[in-house]
Protein backbone atom coordinates (compact mmCIF):
# COMPACT_ATOMS: atom_id res chain seq x y z
CA UNK A 1 0.00 0.00 0.00
CA UNK A 2 2.75 2.45 0.95
CA UNK A 3 4.73 1.59 -2.19
CA UNK A 4 1.68 2.43 -4.32
CA UNK A 5 1.36 5.84 -2.67
CA UNK A 6 5.05 6.57 -3.18
CA UNK A 7 4.91 5.54 -6.85
CA UNK A 8 1.79 7.64 -7.42
CA UNK A 9 3.46 10.67 -5.84
CA UNK A 10 6.61 10.15 -7.93
CA UNK A 11 4.59 9.94 -11.15
CA UNK A 12 2.61 13.08 -10.27
CA UNK A 13 5.82 15.02 -9.58
CA UNK A 14 7.39 13.81 -12.85
CA UNK A 15 4.29 14.83 -14.83
CA UNK A 16 4.26 18.27 -13.19
CA UNK A 17 7.92 18.85 -14.05
CA UNK A 18 7.65 17.56 -17.62
CA UNK A 19 4.55 19.52 -18.63
CA UNK A 20 5.03 21.72 -21.69
CA UNK A 21 5.72 25.37 -20.79
CA UNK A 22 2.60 26.53 -22.65
CA UNK A 23 0.45 24.35 -20.40
CA UNK A 24 2.09 25.78 -17.30
CA UNK A 25 1.51 29.31 -18.58
CA UNK A 26 -2.18 28.63 -19.17
CA UNK A 27 -2.55 27.45 -15.60
CA UNK A 28 -0.70 30.50 -14.30
CA UNK A 29 -2.97 32.80 -16.35
CA UNK A 30 -5.96 31.59 -14.37
CA UNK A 31 -4.06 32.40 -11.17
CA UNK A 32 -4.52 36.17 -11.63
CA UNK A 33 -7.83 37.38 -10.29
CA UNK A 34 -9.73 39.94 -12.34
CA UNK A 35 -9.04 42.76 -13.11
CA UNK A 36 -5.36 41.71 -13.06
CA UNK A 37 -3.69 40.33 -16.17
CA UNK A 38 -0.92 37.75 -16.53
CA UNK A 39 2.31 39.13 -18.03
CA UNK A 40 5.66 37.38 -18.04
CA UNK A 41 5.13 35.42 -14.85
CA UNK A 42 3.37 38.12 -12.84
CA UNK A 43 -0.08 39.55 -12.25
CA UNK A 44 -0.25 43.17 -13.37
CA UNK A 45 -2.95 45.84 -13.58
CA UNK A 46 -1.87 47.05 -17.05
CA UNK A 47 0.29 45.49 -19.72
CA UNK A 48 3.87 46.82 -19.60
CA UNK A 49 5.48 48.57 -22.56
CA UNK A 50 6.25 46.10 -25.32
CA UNK A 51 3.34 43.82 -24.43
CA UNK A 52 0.05 43.50 -26.29
CA UNK A 53 -3.17 43.42 -24.26
CA UNK A 54 -5.08 40.21 -24.99
CA UNK A 55 -7.76 40.38 -22.34
CA UNK A 56 -6.63 38.37 -19.30
CA UNK A 57 -3.07 38.07 -20.64
CA UNK A 58 -0.34 40.32 -22.00
CA UNK A 59 1.66 38.88 -24.90
CA UNK A 60 5.19 40.05 -25.66
CA UNK A 61 5.27 41.97 -28.94
CA UNK A 62 8.61 41.96 -30.70
CA UNK A 63 9.43 45.33 -32.21
CA UNK A 64 12.38 44.09 -34.27
CA UNK A 65 11.01 43.43 -37.76
PDB file of N, CA and C in Angstrom:
ATOM      1  N   UNK A   1       0.833  -1.195   0.000  1.00  0.00           N
ATOM      2  CA  UNK A   1       0.000   0.000   0.000  1.00  0.00           C
ATOM      3  C   UNK A   1       0.877   1.257   0.000  1.00  0.00           C
ATOM      4  N   UNK A   2       1.879   1.288   0.867  1.00  0.00           N
ATOM      5  CA  UNK A   2       2.755   2.449   0.947  1.00  0.00           C
ATOM      6  C   UNK A   2       3.553   2.627  -0.338  1.00  0.00           C
ATOM      7  N   UNK A   3       3.977   1.516  -0.938  1.00  0.00           N
ATOM      8  CA  UNK A   3       4.734   1.588  -2.188  1.00  0.00           C
ATOM      9  C   UNK A   3       3.879   2.200  -3.290  1.00  0.00           C
ATOM     10  N   UNK A   4       2.601   1.863  -3.323  1.00  0.00           N
ATOM     11  CA  UNK A   4       1.683   2.434  -4.315  1.00  0.00           C
ATOM     12  C   UNK A   4       1.543   3.933  -4.157  1.00  0.00           C
ATOM     13  N   UNK A   5       1.471   4.402  -2.937  1.00  0.00           N
ATOM     14  CA  UNK A   5       1.359   5.844  -2.672  1.00  0.00           C
ATOM     15  C   UNK A   5       2.630   6.555  -3.101  1.00  0.00           C
ATOM     16  N   UNK A   6       3.769   5.971  -2.807  1.00  0.00           N
ATOM     17  CA  UNK A   6       5.054   6.573  -3.181  1.00  0.00           C
ATOM     18  C   UNK A   6       5.191   6.632  -4.697  1.00  0.00           C
ATOM     19  N   UNK A   7       4.829   5.547  -5.390  1.00  0.00           N
ATOM     20  CA  UNK A   7       4.908   5.543  -6.847  1.00  0.00           C
ATOM     21  C   UNK A   7       3.956   6.557  -7.464  1.00  0.00           C
ATOM     22  N   UNK A   8       2.753   6.656  -6.922  1.00  0.00           N
ATOM     23  CA  UNK A   8       1.787   7.635  -7.417  1.00  0.00           C
ATOM     24  C   UNK A   8       2.319   9.055  -7.241  1.00  0.00           C
ATOM     25  N   UNK A   9       2.894   9.346  -6.095  1.00  0.00           N
ATOM     26  CA  UNK A   9       3.459  10.670  -5.843  1.00  0.00           C
ATOM     27  C   UNK A   9       4.618  10.955  -6.789  1.00  0.00           C
ATOM     28  N   UNK A  10       5.461   9.960  -7.032  1.00  0.00           N
ATOM     29  CA  UNK A  10       6.608  10.149  -7.927  1.00  0.00           C
ATOM     30  C   UNK A  10       6.140  10.431  -9.353  1.00  0.00           C
ATOM     31  N   UNK A  11       5.114   9.721  -9.801  1.00  0.00           N
ATOM     32  CA  UNK A  11       4.585   9.939 -11.145  1.00  0.00           C
ATOM     33  C   UNK A  11       3.966  11.330 -11.249  1.00  0.00           C
ATOM     34  N   UNK A  12       3.233  11.750 -10.240  1.00  0.00           N
ATOM     35  CA  UNK A  12       2.608  13.084 -10.269  1.00  0.00           C
ATOM     36  C   UNK A  12       3.665  14.182 -10.308  1.00  0.00           C
ATOM     37  N   UNK A  13       4.735  14.026  -9.576  1.00  0.00           N
ATOM     38  CA  UNK A  13       5.820  15.022  -9.583  1.00  0.00           C
ATOM     39  C   UNK A  13       6.490  15.049 -10.949  1.00  0.00           C
ATOM     40  N   UNK A  14       6.743  13.866 -11.526  1.00  0.00           N
ATOM     41  CA  UNK A  14       7.386  13.808 -12.850  1.00  0.00           C
ATOM     42  C   UNK A  14       6.506  14.468 -13.903  1.00  0.00           C
ATOM     43  N   UNK A  15       5.207  14.229 -13.860  1.00  0.00           N
ATOM     44  CA  UNK A  15       4.292  14.831 -14.827  1.00  0.00           C
ATOM     45  C   UNK A  15       4.275  16.349 -14.667  1.00  0.00           C
ATOM     46  N   UNK A  16       4.273  16.827 -13.436  1.00  0.00           N
ATOM     47  CA  UNK A  16       4.261  18.274 -13.190  1.00  0.00           C
ATOM     48  C   UNK A  16       5.526  18.938 -13.721  1.00  0.00           C
ATOM     49  N   UNK A  17       6.659  18.271 -13.596  1.00  0.00           N
ATOM     50  CA  UNK A  17       7.920  18.853 -14.053  1.00  0.00           C
ATOM     51  C   UNK A  17       8.091  18.754 -15.563  1.00  0.00           C
ATOM     52  N   UNK A  18       7.459  17.786 -16.193  1.00  0.00           N
ATOM     53  CA  UNK A  18       7.646  17.565 -17.617  1.00  0.00           C
ATOM     54  C   UNK A  18       6.540  18.176 -18.476  1.00  0.00           C
ATOM     55  N   UNK A  19       5.611  18.879 -17.854  1.00  0.00           N
ATOM     56  CA  UNK A  19       4.547  19.524 -18.631  1.00  0.00           C
ATOM     57  C   UNK A  19       5.143  20.532 -19.590  1.00  0.00           C
ATOM     58  N   UNK A  20       4.549  20.685 -20.765  1.00  0.00           N
ATOM     59  CA  UNK A  20       5.031  21.718 -21.689  1.00  0.00           C
ATOM     60  C   UNK A  20       4.875  23.108 -21.075  1.00  0.00           C
ATOM     61  N   UNK A  21       5.801  24.027 -21.360  1.00  0.00           N
ATOM     62  CA  UNK A  21       5.722  25.373 -20.788  1.00  0.00           C
ATOM     63  C   UNK A  21       4.410  26.086 -21.107  1.00  0.00           C
ATOM     64  N   UNK A  22       3.854  25.863 -22.292  1.00  0.00           N
ATOM     65  CA  UNK A  22       2.597  26.529 -22.647  1.00  0.00           C
ATOM     66  C   UNK A  22       1.478  26.095 -21.712  1.00  0.00           C
ATOM     67  N   UNK A  23       1.471  24.845 -21.308  1.00  0.00           N
ATOM     68  CA  UNK A  23       0.452  24.349 -20.401  1.00  0.00           C
ATOM     69  C   UNK A  23       0.610  24.993 -19.037  1.00  0.00           C
ATOM     70  N   UNK A  24       1.851  25.129 -18.581  1.00  0.00           N
ATOM     71  CA  UNK A  24       2.087  25.783 -17.295  1.00  0.00           C
ATOM     72  C   UNK A  24       1.630  27.234 -17.345  1.00  0.00           C
ATOM     73  N   UNK A  25       1.898  27.900 -18.448  1.00  0.00           N
ATOM     74  CA  UNK A  25       1.506  29.307 -18.585  1.00  0.00           C
ATOM     75  C   UNK A  25      -0.008  29.452 -18.544  1.00  0.00           C
ATOM     76  N   UNK A  26      -0.726  28.546 -19.189  1.00  0.00           N
ATOM     77  CA  UNK A  26      -2.181  28.626 -19.170  1.00  0.00           C
ATOM     78  C   UNK A  26      -2.706  28.483 -17.754  1.00  0.00           C
ATOM     79  N   UNK A  27      -2.106  27.619 -16.974  1.00  0.00           N
ATOM     80  CA  UNK A  27      -2.554  27.451 -15.604  1.00  0.00           C
ATOM     81  C   UNK A  27      -2.218  28.687 -14.775  1.00  0.00           C
ATOM     82  N   UNK A  28      -1.078  29.307 -15.040  1.00  0.00           N
ATOM     83  CA  UNK A  28      -0.697  30.502 -14.299  1.00  0.00           C
ATOM     84  C   UNK A  28      -1.595  31.679 -14.669  1.00  0.00           C
ATOM     85  N   UNK A  29      -2.073  31.724 -15.920  1.00  0.00           N
ATOM     86  CA  UNK A  29      -2.969  32.796 -16.346  1.00  0.00           C
ATOM     87  C   UNK A  29      -4.216  32.820 -15.484  1.00  0.00           C
ATOM     88  N   UNK A  30      -4.737  31.647 -15.158  1.00  0.00           N
ATOM     89  CA  UNK A  30      -5.958  31.589 -14.369  1.00  0.00           C
ATOM     90  C   UNK A  30      -5.688  31.939 -12.906  1.00  0.00           C
ATOM     91  N   UNK A  31      -4.432  32.060 -12.536  1.00  0.00           N
ATOM     92  CA  UNK A  31      -4.063  32.405 -11.167  1.00  0.00           C
ATOM     93  C   UNK A  31      -4.378  33.866 -10.846  1.00  0.00           C
ATOM     94  N   UNK A  32      -4.276  34.742 -11.836  1.00  0.00           N
ATOM     95  CA  UNK A  32      -4.523  36.170 -11.625  1.00  0.00           C
ATOM     96  C   UNK A  32      -6.025  36.431 -11.529  1.00  0.00           C
ATOM     97  N   UNK A  33      -6.418  37.059 -10.464  1.00  0.00           N
ATOM     98  CA  UNK A  33      -7.828  37.380 -10.288  1.00  0.00           C
ATOM     99  C   UNK A  33      -8.156  38.660 -11.031  1.00  0.00           C
ATOM    100  N   UNK A  34      -9.340  38.713 -11.643  1.00  0.00           N
ATOM    101  CA  UNK A  34      -9.733  39.941 -12.341  1.00  0.00           C
ATOM    102  C   UNK A  34      -9.720  41.119 -11.379  1.00  0.00           C
ATOM    103  N   UNK A  35      -9.344  42.278 -11.767  1.00  0.00           N
ATOM    104  CA  UNK A  35      -9.041  42.758 -13.108  1.00  0.00           C
ATOM    105  C   UNK A  35      -7.574  42.620 -13.491  1.00  0.00           C
ATOM    106  N   UNK A  36      -6.783  41.861 -12.743  1.00  0.00           N
ATOM    107  CA  UNK A  36      -5.365  41.714 -13.064  1.00  0.00           C
ATOM    108  C   UNK A  36      -5.170  40.839 -14.294  1.00  0.00           C
ATOM    109  N   UNK A  37      -4.049  41.059 -14.957  1.00  0.00           N
ATOM    110  CA  UNK A  37      -3.687  40.328 -16.170  1.00  0.00           C
ATOM    111  C   UNK A  37      -2.373  39.601 -15.925  1.00  0.00           C
ATOM    112  N   UNK A  38      -2.149  38.522 -16.657  1.00  0.00           N
ATOM    113  CA  UNK A  38      -0.923  37.748 -16.528  1.00  0.00           C
ATOM    114  C   UNK A  38       0.087  38.222 -17.563  1.00  0.00           C
ATOM    115  N   UNK A  39       1.265  38.654 -17.121  1.00  0.00           N
ATOM    116  CA  UNK A  39       2.312  39.128 -18.033  1.00  0.00           C
ATOM    117  C   UNK A  39       3.670  38.654 -17.540  1.00  0.00           C
ATOM    118  N   UNK A  40       4.293  37.802 -18.302  1.00  0.00           N
ATOM    119  CA  UNK A  40       5.665  37.383 -18.042  1.00  0.00           C
ATOM    120  C   UNK A  40       5.874  36.880 -16.611  1.00  0.00           C
ATOM    121  N   UNK A  41       4.972  36.040 -16.153  1.00  0.00           N
ATOM    122  CA  UNK A  41       5.125  35.424 -14.845  1.00  0.00           C
ATOM    123  C   UNK A  41       4.604  36.216 -13.673  1.00  0.00           C
ATOM    124  N   UNK A  42       3.888  37.301 -13.925  1.00  0.00           N
ATOM    125  CA  UNK A  42       3.375  38.117 -12.837  1.00  0.00           C
ATOM    126  C   UNK A  42       1.969  38.616 -13.142  1.00  0.00           C
ATOM    127  N   UNK A  43       1.242  38.947 -12.103  1.00  0.00           N
ATOM    128  CA  UNK A  43      -0.082  39.546 -12.255  1.00  0.00           C
ATOM    129  C   UNK A  43       0.093  41.063 -12.216  1.00  0.00           C
ATOM    130  N   UNK A  44      -0.409  41.726 -13.250  1.00  0.00           N
ATOM    131  CA  UNK A  44      -0.246  43.173 -13.366  1.00  0.00           C
ATOM    132  C   UNK A  44      -1.590  43.819 -13.660  1.00  0.00           C
ATOM    133  N   UNK A  45      -1.711  45.106 -13.321  1.00  0.00           N
ATOM    134  CA  UNK A  45      -2.948  45.836 -13.580  1.00  0.00           C
ATOM    135  C   UNK A  45      -3.039  46.249 -15.048  1.00  0.00           C
ATOM    136  N   UNK A  46      -1.912  46.640 -15.642  1.00  0.00           N
ATOM    137  CA  UNK A  46      -1.866  47.045 -17.047  1.00  0.00           C
ATOM    138  C   UNK A  46      -0.683  46.357 -17.701  1.00  0.00           C
ATOM    139  N   UNK A  47      -0.813  46.118 -18.998  1.00  0.00           N
ATOM    140  CA  UNK A  47       0.292  45.490 -19.724  1.00  0.00           C
ATOM    141  C   UNK A  47       1.475  46.451 -19.798  1.00  0.00           C
ATOM    142  N   UNK A  48       2.681  45.963 -19.510  1.00  0.00           N
ATOM    143  CA  UNK A  48       3.867  46.824 -19.597  1.00  0.00           C
ATOM    144  C   UNK A  48       4.194  47.178 -21.048  1.00  0.00           C
ATOM    145  N   UNK A  49       5.057  48.158 -21.214  1.00  0.00           N
ATOM    146  CA  UNK A  49       5.484  48.570 -22.559  1.00  0.00           C
ATOM    147  C   UNK A  49       6.096  47.376 -23.278  1.00  0.00           C
ATOM    148  N   UNK A  50       5.748  47.210 -24.541  1.00  0.00           N
ATOM    149  CA  UNK A  50       6.254  46.103 -25.324  1.00  0.00           C
ATOM    150  C   UNK A  50       5.372  44.872 -25.279  1.00  0.00           C
ATOM    151  N   UNK A  51       4.271  44.930 -24.534  1.00  0.00           N
ATOM    152  CA  UNK A  51       3.343  43.821 -24.433  1.00  0.00           C
ATOM    153  C   UNK A  51       1.996  44.225 -25.022  1.00  0.00           C
ATOM    154  N   UNK A  52       1.349  43.269 -25.668  1.00  0.00           N
ATOM    155  CA  UNK A  52       0.048  43.499 -26.288  1.00  0.00           C
ATOM    156  C   UNK A  52      -1.046  42.990 -25.345  1.00  0.00           C
ATOM    157  N   UNK A  53      -2.064  43.792 -25.132  1.00  0.00           N
ATOM    158  CA  UNK A  53      -3.172  43.422 -24.263  1.00  0.00           C
ATOM    159  C   UNK A  53      -4.070  42.425 -24.983  1.00  0.00           C
ATOM    160  N   UNK A  54      -4.216  41.235 -24.412  1.00  0.00           N
ATOM    161  CA  UNK A  54      -5.084  40.207 -24.994  1.00  0.00           C
ATOM    162  C   UNK A  54      -6.121  39.753 -23.974  1.00  0.00           C
ATOM    163  N   UNK A  55      -6.735  40.705 -23.329  1.00  0.00           N
ATOM    164  CA  UNK A  55      -7.760  40.375 -22.335  1.00  0.00           C
ATOM    165  C   UNK A  55      -7.144  40.052 -20.995  1.00  0.00           C
ATOM    166  N   UNK A  56      -7.168  38.778 -20.596  1.00  0.00           N
ATOM    167  CA  UNK A  56      -6.630  38.369 -19.302  1.00  0.00           C
ATOM    168  C   UNK A  56      -5.121  38.177 -19.329  1.00  0.00           C
ATOM    169  N   UNK A  57      -4.508  38.253 -20.523  1.00  0.00           N
ATOM    170  CA  UNK A  57      -3.067  38.065 -20.639  1.00  0.00           C
ATOM    171  C   UNK A  57      -2.426  39.214 -21.409  1.00  0.00           C
ATOM    172  N   UNK A  58      -1.136  39.356 -21.237  1.00  0.00           N
ATOM    173  CA  UNK A  58      -0.343  40.317 -22.002  1.00  0.00           C
ATOM    174  C   UNK A  58       0.704  39.508 -22.757  1.00  0.00           C
ATOM    175  N   UNK A  59       0.729  39.642 -24.064  1.00  0.00           N
ATOM    176  CA  UNK A  59       1.659  38.882 -24.900  1.00  0.00           C
ATOM    177  C   UNK A  59       2.800  39.798 -25.335  1.00  0.00           C
ATOM    178  N   UNK A  60       4.017  39.285 -25.252  1.00  0.00           N
ATOM    179  CA  UNK A  60       5.186  40.053 -25.662  1.00  0.00           C
ATOM    180  C   UNK A  60       5.097  40.325 -27.148  1.00  0.00           C
ATOM    181  N   UNK A  61       5.326  41.568 -27.534  1.00  0.00           N
ATOM    182  CA  UNK A  61       5.267  41.967 -28.935  1.00  0.00           C
ATOM    183  C   UNK A  61       6.666  42.409 -29.346  1.00  0.00           C
ATOM    184  N   UNK A  62       7.267  41.642 -30.234  1.00  0.00           N
ATOM    185  CA  UNK A  62       8.610  41.960 -30.698  1.00  0.00           C
ATOM    186  C   UNK A  62       8.556  43.148 -31.636  1.00  0.00           C
ATOM    187  N   UNK A  63       9.406  44.128 -31.392  1.00  0.00           N
ATOM    188  CA  UNK A  63       9.435  45.329 -32.215  1.00  0.00           C
ATOM    189  C   UNK A  63      10.522  45.269 -33.282  1.00  0.00           C
ATOM    190  N   UNK A  64      11.300  44.209 -33.281  1.00  0.00           N
ATOM    191  CA  UNK A  64      12.381  44.092 -34.272  1.00  0.00           C
ATOM    192  C   UNK A  64      11.878  43.337 -35.499  1.00  0.00           C
ATOM    193  N   UNK A  65      11.509  44.069 -36.527  1.00  0.00           N
ATOM    194  CA  UNK A  65      11.006  43.435 -37.758  1.00  0.00           C
ATOM    195  C   UNK A  65      11.883  43.777 -38.906  1.00  0.00           C
TER     196      UNK A  65
END
